[in-house]
Amino acid sequence: MLKLVAIVYIMVGSMLAGSFIVAALTMDRMDAVSISIAAVAGALVAIPISWFVAAKLNSAIRPARAS
């Protein structure tokens, strides 16, 4: 499952980091520190989201076996 989390994180992490940067620039935060903080915050927020999405994908790909 860790491989699936990594693949999902590549997509979600870059999307959220970019969204947070756009939000910072929209709020007239044009300095490098604010942009860096926004990028790191987006990357950190993406970790649990990636785990959740990967768990849902994993359960959809490999449904529970009836015993």
C-alpha atoms as a PDB file:
ATOM      1  CA  MET A   1       0.000   0.000   0.000  1.00  0.00           C
ATOM      2  CA  LEU A   2       2.943   2.327   0.592  1.00  0.00           C
ATOM      3  CA  LYS A   3       3.704   2.345  -3.133  1.00  0.00           C
ATOM      4  CA  LEU A   4       0.136   3.399  -3.856  1.00  0.00           C
ATOM      5  CA  VAL A   5       0.369   6.159  -1.240  1.00  0.00           C
ATOM      6  CA  ALA A   6       3.565   7.424  -2.890  1.00  0.00           C
ATOM      7  CA  ILE A   7       1.963   7.491  -6.331  1.00  0.00           C
ATOM      8  CA  VAL A   8      -1.107   9.306  -5.041  1.00  0.00           C
ATOM      9  CA  TYR A   9       1.100  11.716  -3.059  1.00  0.00           C
ATOM     10  CA  ILE A  10       2.971  12.737  -6.196  1.00  0.00           C
ATOM     11  CA  MET A  11      -0.289  13.961  -7.695  1.00  0.00           C
ATOM     12  CA  VAL A  12      -2.024  15.292  -4.582  1.00  0.00           C
ATOM     13  CA  GLY A  13       1.090  16.897  -3.108  1.00  0.00           C
ATOM     14  CA  SER A  14       1.904  18.923  -6.176  1.00  0.00           C
ATOM     15  CA  MET A  15      -1.744  19.914  -6.640  1.00  0.00           C
ATOM     16  CA  LEU A  16      -2.171  21.119  -3.050  1.00  0.00           C
ATOM     17  CA  ALA A  17       1.223  22.838  -2.928  1.00  0.00           C
ATOM     18  CA  GLY A  18       0.364  24.701  -6.125  1.00  0.00           C
ATOM     19  CA  SER A  19      -3.080  25.602  -4.844  1.00  0.00           C
ATOM     20  CA  PHE A  20      -1.651  26.921  -1.588  1.00  0.00           C
ATOM     21  CA  ILE A  21       0.902  28.989  -3.518  1.00  0.00           C
ATOM     22  CA  VAL A  22      -1.838  30.453  -5.715  1.00  0.00           C
ATOM     23  CA  ALA A  23      -3.834  31.270  -2.569  1.00  0.00           C
ATOM     24  CA  ALA A  24      -0.799  33.002  -1.034  1.00  0.00           C
ATOM     25  CA  LEU A  25      -0.198  35.016  -4.200  1.00  0.00           C
ATOM     26  CA  THR A  26      -3.874  35.970  -4.340  1.00  0.00           C
ATOM     27  CA  MET A  27      -3.554  37.399  -0.829  1.00  0.00           C
ATOM     28  CA  ASP A  28      -0.644  39.600  -2.041  1.00  0.00           C
ATOM     29  CA  ARG A  29       1.990  37.530  -0.232  1.00  0.00           C
ATOM     30  CA  MET A  30       4.712  38.007  -2.824  1.00  0.00           C
ATOM     31  CA  ASP A  31       7.744  37.323  -0.592  1.00  0.00           C
ATOM     32  CA  ALA A  32       9.726  34.104  -0.826  1.00  0.00           C
ATOM     33  CA  VAL A  33       9.070  33.102   2.773  1.00  0.00           C
ATOM     34  CA  SER A  34       5.282  33.173   2.361  1.00  0.00           C
ATOM     35  CA  ILE A  35       5.439  31.237  -0.882  1.00  0.00           C
ATOM     36  CA  SER A  36       7.753  28.644   0.670  1.00  0.00           C
ATOM     37  CA  ILE A  37       5.504  28.264   3.719  1.00  0.00           C
ATOM     38  CA  ALA A  38       2.481  27.827   1.463  1.00  0.00           C
ATOM     39  CA  ALA A  39       4.266  25.137  -0.571  1.00  0.00           C
ATOM     40  CA  VAL A  40       5.396  23.230   2.527  1.00  0.00           C
ATOM     41  CA  ALA A  41       1.940  23.518   4.100  1.00  0.00           C
ATOM     42  CA  GLY A  42       0.350  22.124   0.963  1.00  0.00           C
ATOM     43  CA  ALA A  43       2.814  19.253   0.861  1.00  0.00           C
ATOM     44  CA  LEU A  44       2.175  18.420   4.519  1.00  0.00           C
ATOM     45  CA  VAL A  45      -1.597  18.561   4.160  1.00  0.00           C
ATOM     46  CA  ALA A  46      -1.306  16.171   1.237  1.00  0.00           C
ATOM     47  CA  ILE A  47       0.183  13.361   3.339  1.00  0.00           C
ATOM     48  CA  PRO A  48      -2.982  12.291   5.223  1.00  0.00           C
ATOM     49  CA  ILE A  49      -5.147  12.979   2.182  1.00  0.00           C
ATOM     50  CA  SER A  50      -2.932  10.719   0.071  1.00  0.00           C
ATOM     51  CA  TRP A  51      -3.128   7.989   2.699  1.00  0.00           C
ATOM     52  CA  PHE A  52      -6.940   8.228   2.779  1.00  0.00           C
ATOM     53  CA  VAL A  53      -7.287   8.194  -1.017  1.00  0.00           C
ATOM     54  CA  ALA A  54      -4.826   5.299  -1.344  1.00  0.00           C
ATOM     55  CA  ALA A  55      -6.768   3.288   1.245  1.00  0.00           C
ATOM     56  CA  LYS A  56      -9.997   3.855  -0.686  1.00  0.00           C
ATOM     57  CA  LEU A  57      -8.322   2.908  -3.966  1.00  0.00           C
ATOM     58  CA  ASN A  58      -6.766  -0.161  -2.393  1.00  0.00           C
ATOM     59  CA  SER A  59     -10.117  -1.360  -1.089  1.00  0.00           C
ATOM     60  CA  ALA A  60     -11.680  -0.767  -4.516  1.00  0.00           C
ATOM     61  CA  ILE A  61      -8.886  -2.619  -6.303  1.00  0.00           C
ATOM     62  CA  ARG A  62      -8.667  -5.482  -3.821  1.00  0.00           C
ATOM     63  CA  PRO A  63     -12.093  -6.084  -2.321  1.00  0.00           C
ATOM     64  CA  ALA A  64     -12.308  -8.048   0.913  1.00  0.00           C
ATOM     65  CA  ARG A  65     -12.434 -11.778   0.383  1.00  0.00           C
ATOM     66  CA  ALA A  66     -15.352 -13.731   1.768  1.00  0.00           C
ATOM     67  CA  SER A  67     -14.252 -16.471   4.118  1.00  0.00           C
END
